[in-house]
Amino acid sequence: MSNLDKIIIDLGSVKLDLFIEPEYCPTCRNSKLAEILSQEDNSVLVNSQPRVRSSFGLGAFNYNRADLEKYKSRHERVKINAVGMFSLANDVLPTLAMKVVESIKVYGVFQAQSDVKNALIQAGRIS
């Protein structure tokens, strides 16, 4: 394995280690993709379009500002589907919610500050 090139792709909760034998891909060392992938900070592989992370749950759920900031820093949006109760904490600002929340569908109780809730309703993100 010492003659293999190793590329690590960090996808957040999943980390992929790719081992490439130079004889199978002699141009890999010179390719732009290999250069980008071999950088220590693989977070540069951010798509221009945000990824949408869907969540489905039964019970009571709460997202706070730190949760939404984490998704924002990963260039992700969230689609929330819940049966029970879902709440956005009081520290969530309308601008942050608008940047991160793709949609919210709750069969039960949805709680959020009135300005956050109004912004999401006006944007058609609550159904």
N, C-alpha and C. Protein backbone atom coordinates (compact mmCIF):
# COMPACT_ATOMS: atom_id res chain seq x y z
N MET A 1 0.81 -1.21 0.00
CA MET A 1 0.00 0.00 0.00
C MET A 1 0.85 1.26 0.00
N SER A 2 2.11 1.14 0.15
CA SER A 2 2.95 2.33 0.24
C SER A 2 3.04 3.07 -1.09
N ASN A 3 2.80 2.37 -2.21
CA ASN A 3 2.88 3.05 -3.49
C ASN A 3 1.53 3.58 -3.97
N LEU A 4 0.52 3.54 -3.11
CA LEU A 4 -0.80 4.02 -3.46
C LEU A 4 -0.94 5.50 -3.11
N ASP A 5 -1.67 6.22 -3.96
CA ASP A 5 -2.05 7.59 -3.64
C ASP A 5 -3.35 7.53 -2.85
N LYS A 6 -3.44 8.30 -1.78
CA LYS A 6 -4.63 8.29 -0.96
C LYS A 6 -5.33 9.64 -1.08
N ILE A 7 -6.63 9.58 -1.34
CA ILE A 7 -7.46 10.77 -1.40
C ILE A 7 -8.55 10.61 -0.34
N ILE A 8 -8.70 11.60 0.52
CA ILE A 8 -9.73 11.56 1.56
C ILE A 8 -10.82 12.55 1.19
N ILE A 9 -12.06 12.06 1.18
CA ILE A 9 -13.21 12.91 0.91
C ILE A 9 -14.05 12.93 2.17
N ASP A 10 -14.18 14.10 2.79
CA ASP A 10 -14.93 14.23 4.03
C ASP A 10 -16.30 14.82 3.70
N LEU A 11 -17.35 14.01 3.90
CA LEU A 11 -18.72 14.43 3.59
C LEU A 11 -19.50 14.74 4.85
N GLY A 12 -18.83 15.08 5.91
CA GLY A 12 -19.50 15.36 7.17
C GLY A 12 -19.58 14.12 8.01
N SER A 13 -20.71 13.42 7.94
CA SER A 13 -20.86 12.21 8.75
C SER A 13 -20.20 11.00 8.12
N VAL A 14 -19.76 11.12 6.89
CA VAL A 14 -19.10 10.01 6.18
C VAL A 14 -17.75 10.49 5.67
N LYS A 15 -16.73 9.67 5.89
CA LYS A 15 -15.40 9.99 5.37
C LYS A 15 -14.98 8.84 4.45
N LEU A 16 -14.61 9.19 3.22
CA LEU A 16 -14.20 8.18 2.24
C LEU A 16 -12.70 8.27 2.04
N ASP A 17 -12.03 7.13 2.12
CA ASP A 17 -10.61 7.04 1.80
C ASP A 17 -10.49 6.31 0.48
N LEU A 18 -9.98 6.97 -0.53
CA LEU A 18 -9.78 6.36 -1.84
C LEU A 18 -8.29 6.09 -2.04
N PHE A 19 -7.96 4.88 -2.42
CA PHE A 19 -6.59 4.51 -2.70
C PHE A 19 -6.46 4.26 -4.20
N ILE A 20 -5.54 4.96 -4.84
CA ILE A 20 -5.37 4.86 -6.29
C ILE A 20 -3.97 4.36 -6.58
N GLU A 21 -3.91 3.30 -7.37
CA GLU A 21 -2.62 2.79 -7.81
C GLU A 21 -2.19 3.59 -9.02
N PRO A 22 -0.99 4.15 -9.01
CA PRO A 22 -0.56 5.02 -10.11
C PRO A 22 -0.61 4.37 -11.49
N GLU A 23 -0.38 3.06 -11.58
CA GLU A 23 -0.39 2.41 -12.89
C GLU A 23 -1.80 2.35 -13.50
N TYR A 24 -2.84 2.44 -12.67
CA TYR A 24 -4.20 2.43 -13.19
C TYR A 24 -4.69 3.83 -13.57
N CYS A 25 -4.06 4.82 -13.05
CA CYS A 25 -4.47 6.19 -13.34
C CYS A 25 -3.23 7.08 -13.37
N PRO A 26 -2.40 6.94 -14.42
CA PRO A 26 -1.16 7.71 -14.46
C PRO A 26 -1.37 9.22 -14.52
N THR A 27 -2.52 9.66 -15.02
CA THR A 27 -2.78 11.09 -15.12
C THR A 27 -3.43 11.66 -13.87
N CYS A 28 -3.78 10.79 -12.89
CA CYS A 28 -4.46 11.28 -11.69
C CYS A 28 -3.61 12.28 -10.93
N ARG A 29 -2.31 12.06 -10.90
CA ARG A 29 -1.44 12.97 -10.17
C ARG A 29 -1.44 14.36 -10.78
N ASN A 30 -1.69 14.44 -12.07
CA ASN A 30 -1.65 15.73 -12.77
C ASN A 30 -3.02 16.35 -12.94
N SER A 31 -4.07 15.64 -12.61
CA SER A 31 -5.40 16.19 -12.88
C SER A 31 -5.79 17.22 -11.84
N LYS A 32 -6.63 18.14 -12.24
CA LYS A 32 -7.11 19.20 -11.35
C LYS A 32 -7.94 18.61 -10.22
N LEU A 33 -8.74 17.57 -10.52
CA LEU A 33 -9.56 16.93 -9.49
C LEU A 33 -8.68 16.32 -8.41
N ALA A 34 -7.63 15.62 -8.79
CA ALA A 34 -6.74 15.02 -7.80
C ALA A 34 -6.08 16.10 -6.95
N GLU A 35 -5.76 17.21 -7.56
CA GLU A 35 -5.16 18.33 -6.83
C GLU A 35 -6.12 18.88 -5.78
N ILE A 36 -7.37 19.08 -6.17
CA ILE A 36 -8.37 19.60 -5.25
C ILE A 36 -8.65 18.59 -4.15
N LEU A 37 -8.83 17.32 -4.52
CA LEU A 37 -9.18 16.30 -3.54
C LEU A 37 -8.06 16.01 -2.56
N SER A 38 -6.83 16.22 -2.96
CA SER A 38 -5.72 15.90 -2.08
C SER A 38 -5.37 17.04 -1.13
N GLN A 39 -6.05 18.16 -1.22
CA GLN A 39 -5.80 19.26 -0.30
C GLN A 39 -6.21 18.86 1.10
N GLU A 40 -5.52 19.40 2.10
CA GLU A 40 -5.83 19.05 3.48
C GLU A 40 -7.23 19.45 3.87
N ASP A 41 -7.70 20.60 3.41
CA ASP A 41 -9.03 21.06 3.75
C ASP A 41 -9.97 20.68 2.62
N ASN A 42 -10.63 19.54 2.73
CA ASN A 42 -11.52 19.08 1.68
C ASN A 42 -12.85 19.79 1.68
N SER A 43 -13.05 20.73 2.58
CA SER A 43 -14.31 21.46 2.60
C SER A 43 -14.40 22.43 1.43
N VAL A 44 -13.34 22.57 0.64
CA VAL A 44 -13.41 23.44 -0.54
C VAL A 44 -14.29 22.83 -1.61
N LEU A 45 -14.70 21.57 -1.44
CA LEU A 45 -15.54 20.91 -2.42
C LEU A 45 -17.00 21.24 -2.18
N VAL A 46 -17.29 22.50 -2.11
CA VAL A 46 -18.66 22.93 -1.86
C VAL A 46 -19.32 23.21 -3.20
N ASN A 47 -20.43 22.59 -3.42
CA ASN A 47 -21.20 22.78 -4.63
C ASN A 47 -21.74 24.20 -4.66
N SER A 48 -21.97 24.73 -5.84
CA SER A 48 -22.54 26.07 -5.91
C SER A 48 -24.00 26.06 -5.45
N GLN A 49 -24.68 24.93 -5.58
CA GLN A 49 -26.04 24.79 -5.11
C GLN A 49 -26.03 24.13 -3.73
N PRO A 50 -26.81 24.65 -2.78
CA PRO A 50 -26.82 24.02 -1.45
C PRO A 50 -27.46 22.63 -1.53
N ARG A 51 -26.95 21.74 -0.69
CA ARG A 51 -27.55 20.41 -0.57
C ARG A 51 -28.77 20.54 0.32
N VAL A 52 -29.77 19.73 0.05
CA VAL A 52 -30.97 19.73 0.88
C VAL A 52 -30.96 18.45 1.71
N ARG A 53 -30.99 18.63 3.02
CA ARG A 53 -31.00 17.52 3.95
C ARG A 53 -32.42 17.35 4.47
N SER A 54 -33.02 16.20 4.20
CA SER A 54 -34.38 15.93 4.65
C SER A 54 -34.36 15.21 5.98
N SER A 55 -35.26 15.59 6.86
CA SER A 55 -35.39 14.89 8.13
C SER A 55 -36.86 14.54 8.35
N PHE A 56 -37.09 13.32 8.80
CA PHE A 56 -38.41 12.83 9.12
C PHE A 56 -38.38 12.35 10.55
N GLY A 57 -39.37 12.73 11.34
CA GLY A 57 -39.34 12.30 12.72
C GLY A 57 -40.71 12.20 13.35
N LEU A 58 -40.76 11.41 14.38
CA LEU A 58 -41.96 11.22 15.17
C LEU A 58 -41.60 11.55 16.61
N GLY A 59 -42.23 12.58 17.17
CA GLY A 59 -41.91 12.99 18.54
C GLY A 59 -41.78 14.49 18.63
N ALA A 60 -40.85 14.94 19.47
CA ALA A 60 -40.62 16.37 19.67
C ALA A 60 -39.20 16.72 19.24
N PHE A 61 -39.08 17.75 18.41
CA PHE A 61 -37.78 18.15 17.86
C PHE A 61 -37.59 19.65 18.00
N ASN A 62 -36.35 20.06 18.15
CA ASN A 62 -36.03 21.48 18.30
C ASN A 62 -34.74 21.77 17.56
N TYR A 63 -34.74 22.81 16.75
CA TYR A 63 -33.51 23.32 16.14
C TYR A 63 -33.24 24.68 16.76
N ASN A 64 -31.99 24.90 17.16
CA ASN A 64 -31.61 26.21 17.69
C ASN A 64 -30.68 26.90 16.69
N ARG A 65 -30.22 28.06 17.06
CA ARG A 65 -29.36 28.85 16.17
C ARG A 65 -28.09 28.09 15.80
N ALA A 66 -27.47 27.43 16.77
CA ALA A 66 -26.24 26.68 16.51
C ALA A 66 -26.48 25.57 15.47
N ASP A 67 -27.62 24.89 15.57
CA ASP A 67 -27.95 23.85 14.59
C ASP A 67 -28.04 24.43 13.19
N LEU A 68 -28.77 25.53 13.06
CA LEU A 68 -28.94 26.14 11.74
C LEU A 68 -27.65 26.74 11.21
N GLU A 69 -26.82 27.30 12.10
CA GLU A 69 -25.51 27.83 11.68
C GLU A 69 -24.62 26.70 11.17
N LYS A 70 -24.72 25.53 11.78
CA LYS A 70 -23.94 24.37 11.33
C LYS A 70 -24.34 24.00 9.90
N TYR A 71 -25.65 23.94 9.63
CA TYR A 71 -26.11 23.62 8.28
C TYR A 71 -25.68 24.71 7.29
N LYS A 72 -25.77 25.95 7.72
CA LYS A 72 -25.38 27.07 6.85
C LYS A 72 -23.90 26.98 6.50
N SER A 73 -23.05 26.67 7.48
CA SER A 73 -21.61 26.58 7.22
C SER A 73 -21.26 25.43 6.29
N ARG A 74 -22.10 24.41 6.27
CA ARG A 74 -21.90 23.26 5.37
C ARG A 74 -22.56 23.47 4.02
N HIS A 75 -23.16 24.63 3.83
CA HIS A 75 -23.85 24.96 2.58
C HIS A 75 -25.00 23.98 2.36
N GLU A 76 -25.79 23.74 3.43
CA GLU A 76 -26.92 22.82 3.38
C GLU A 76 -28.20 23.56 3.75
N ARG A 77 -29.29 23.05 3.22
CA ARG A 77 -30.62 23.52 3.59
C ARG A 77 -31.35 22.33 4.19
N VAL A 78 -32.35 22.58 5.03
CA VAL A 78 -33.06 21.48 5.67
C VAL A 78 -34.53 21.46 5.27
N LYS A 79 -35.01 20.26 5.04
CA LYS A 79 -36.42 20.01 4.76
C LYS A 79 -36.91 19.18 5.94
N ILE A 80 -37.82 19.74 6.73
CA ILE A 80 -38.25 19.13 7.98
C ILE A 80 -39.66 18.58 7.83
N ASN A 81 -39.83 17.31 8.17
CA ASN A 81 -41.13 16.65 8.21
C ASN A 81 -41.25 16.01 9.57
N ALA A 82 -42.26 16.38 10.34
CA ALA A 82 -42.40 15.85 11.69
C ALA A 82 -43.84 15.54 12.02
N VAL A 83 -44.02 14.49 12.79
CA VAL A 83 -45.30 14.16 13.38
C VAL A 83 -45.11 14.32 14.87
N GLY A 84 -45.82 15.26 15.46
CA GLY A 84 -45.65 15.56 16.88
C GLY A 84 -45.46 17.04 17.07
N MET A 85 -44.25 17.41 17.52
CA MET A 85 -43.96 18.82 17.75
C MET A 85 -42.59 19.17 17.19
N PHE A 86 -42.53 20.32 16.51
CA PHE A 86 -41.25 20.85 16.02
C PHE A 86 -41.17 22.30 16.42
N SER A 87 -40.00 22.71 16.93
CA SER A 87 -39.84 24.12 17.30
C SER A 87 -38.50 24.65 16.85
N LEU A 88 -38.51 25.92 16.49
CA LEU A 88 -37.28 26.68 16.25
C LEU A 88 -37.08 27.53 17.50
N ALA A 89 -35.92 27.43 18.10
CA ALA A 89 -35.64 28.11 19.36
C ALA A 89 -35.73 29.63 19.22
N ASN A 90 -35.84 30.29 20.34
CA ASN A 90 -35.98 31.75 20.36
C ASN A 90 -34.76 32.48 19.83
N ASP A 91 -33.59 31.81 19.77
CA ASP A 91 -32.39 32.48 19.28
C ASP A 91 -32.25 32.44 17.76
N VAL A 92 -33.21 31.83 17.06
CA VAL A 92 -33.17 31.75 15.60
C VAL A 92 -33.75 33.04 15.01
N LEU A 93 -32.97 33.70 14.19
CA LEU A 93 -33.40 34.93 13.52
C LEU A 93 -34.09 34.61 12.20
N PRO A 94 -35.01 35.46 11.76
CA PRO A 94 -35.70 35.22 10.49
C PRO A 94 -34.75 35.07 9.30
N THR A 95 -33.69 35.88 9.26
CA THR A 95 -32.75 35.80 8.13
C THR A 95 -32.04 34.46 8.09
N LEU A 96 -31.67 33.94 9.25
CA LEU A 96 -31.01 32.63 9.30
C LEU A 96 -31.98 31.53 8.89
N ALA A 97 -33.21 31.59 9.38
CA ALA A 97 -34.21 30.59 9.03
C ALA A 97 -34.47 30.60 7.52
N MET A 98 -34.53 31.76 6.92
CA MET A 98 -34.78 31.86 5.49
C MET A 98 -33.63 31.29 4.66
N LYS A 99 -32.41 31.43 5.16
CA LYS A 99 -31.25 30.91 4.43
C LYS A 99 -31.14 29.39 4.53
N VAL A 100 -31.61 28.81 5.62
CA VAL A 100 -31.35 27.40 5.88
C VAL A 100 -32.58 26.50 5.68
N VAL A 101 -33.77 26.98 6.00
CA VAL A 101 -34.96 26.14 5.95
C VAL A 101 -35.52 26.08 4.54
N GLU A 102 -35.52 24.90 3.97
CA GLU A 102 -36.13 24.66 2.66
C GLU A 102 -37.65 24.55 2.80
N SER A 103 -38.09 23.73 3.75
CA SER A 103 -39.53 23.59 4.00
C SER A 103 -39.75 22.94 5.37
N ILE A 104 -40.94 23.20 5.91
CA ILE A 104 -41.35 22.60 7.18
C ILE A 104 -42.77 22.08 7.01
N LYS A 105 -42.96 20.82 7.34
CA LYS A 105 -44.29 20.23 7.34
C LYS A 105 -44.43 19.49 8.66
N VAL A 106 -45.34 19.96 9.51
CA VAL A 106 -45.53 19.37 10.83
C VAL A 106 -46.98 18.93 10.97
N TYR A 107 -47.16 17.68 11.31
CA TYR A 107 -48.47 17.15 11.65
C TYR A 107 -48.55 17.18 13.17
N GLY A 108 -48.95 18.31 13.70
CA GLY A 108 -48.98 18.52 15.14
C GLY A 108 -48.75 19.98 15.44
N VAL A 109 -47.78 20.26 16.30
CA VAL A 109 -47.53 21.62 16.78
C VAL A 109 -46.20 22.13 16.23
N PHE A 110 -46.24 23.34 15.65
CA PHE A 110 -45.02 24.03 15.21
C PHE A 110 -44.89 25.31 16.02
N GLN A 111 -43.75 25.47 16.69
CA GLN A 111 -43.51 26.66 17.49
C GLN A 111 -42.26 27.40 16.98
N ALA A 112 -42.38 28.72 16.91
CA ALA A 112 -41.26 29.58 16.55
C ALA A 112 -41.67 31.01 16.92
N GLN A 113 -40.67 31.89 16.99
CA GLN A 113 -40.97 33.30 17.21
C GLN A 113 -41.88 33.77 16.07
N SER A 114 -42.76 34.70 16.37
CA SER A 114 -43.75 35.13 15.37
C SER A 114 -43.09 35.71 14.12
N ASP A 115 -41.98 36.45 14.26
CA ASP A 115 -41.33 37.02 13.08
C ASP A 115 -40.69 35.94 12.20
N VAL A 116 -40.16 34.90 12.83
CA VAL A 116 -39.58 33.77 12.09
C VAL A 116 -40.69 33.01 11.37
N LYS A 117 -41.75 32.73 12.10
CA LYS A 117 -42.88 31.99 11.53
C LYS A 117 -43.50 32.76 10.37
N ASN A 118 -43.69 34.06 10.53
CA ASN A 118 -44.27 34.89 9.47
C ASN A 118 -43.39 34.92 8.22
N ALA A 119 -42.08 35.03 8.40
CA ALA A 119 -41.17 35.05 7.26
C ALA A 119 -41.24 33.73 6.49
N LEU A 120 -41.28 32.61 7.22
CA LEU A 120 -41.34 31.31 6.56
C LEU A 120 -42.70 31.10 5.87
N ILE A 121 -43.77 31.57 6.48
CA ILE A 121 -45.10 31.46 5.88
C ILE A 121 -45.18 32.28 4.59
N GLN A 122 -44.69 33.53 4.65
CA GLN A 122 -44.73 34.40 3.48
C GLN A 122 -43.90 33.85 2.33
N ALA A 123 -42.84 33.13 2.64
CA ALA A 123 -41.99 32.53 1.60
C ALA A 123 -42.55 31.19 1.12
N GLY A 124 -43.64 30.74 1.73
CA GLY A 124 -44.25 29.48 1.32
C GLY A 124 -43.49 28.26 1.75
N ARG A 125 -42.75 28.37 2.84
CA ARG A 125 -41.92 27.24 3.29
C ARG A 125 -42.57 26.41 4.38
N ILE A 126 -43.73 26.83 4.85
CA ILE A 126 -44.47 26.06 5.85
C ILE A 126 -45.74 25.56 5.20
N SER A 127 -45.94 24.25 5.31
CA SER A 127 -47.17 23.69 4.73
C SER A 127 -47.85 22.79 5.74
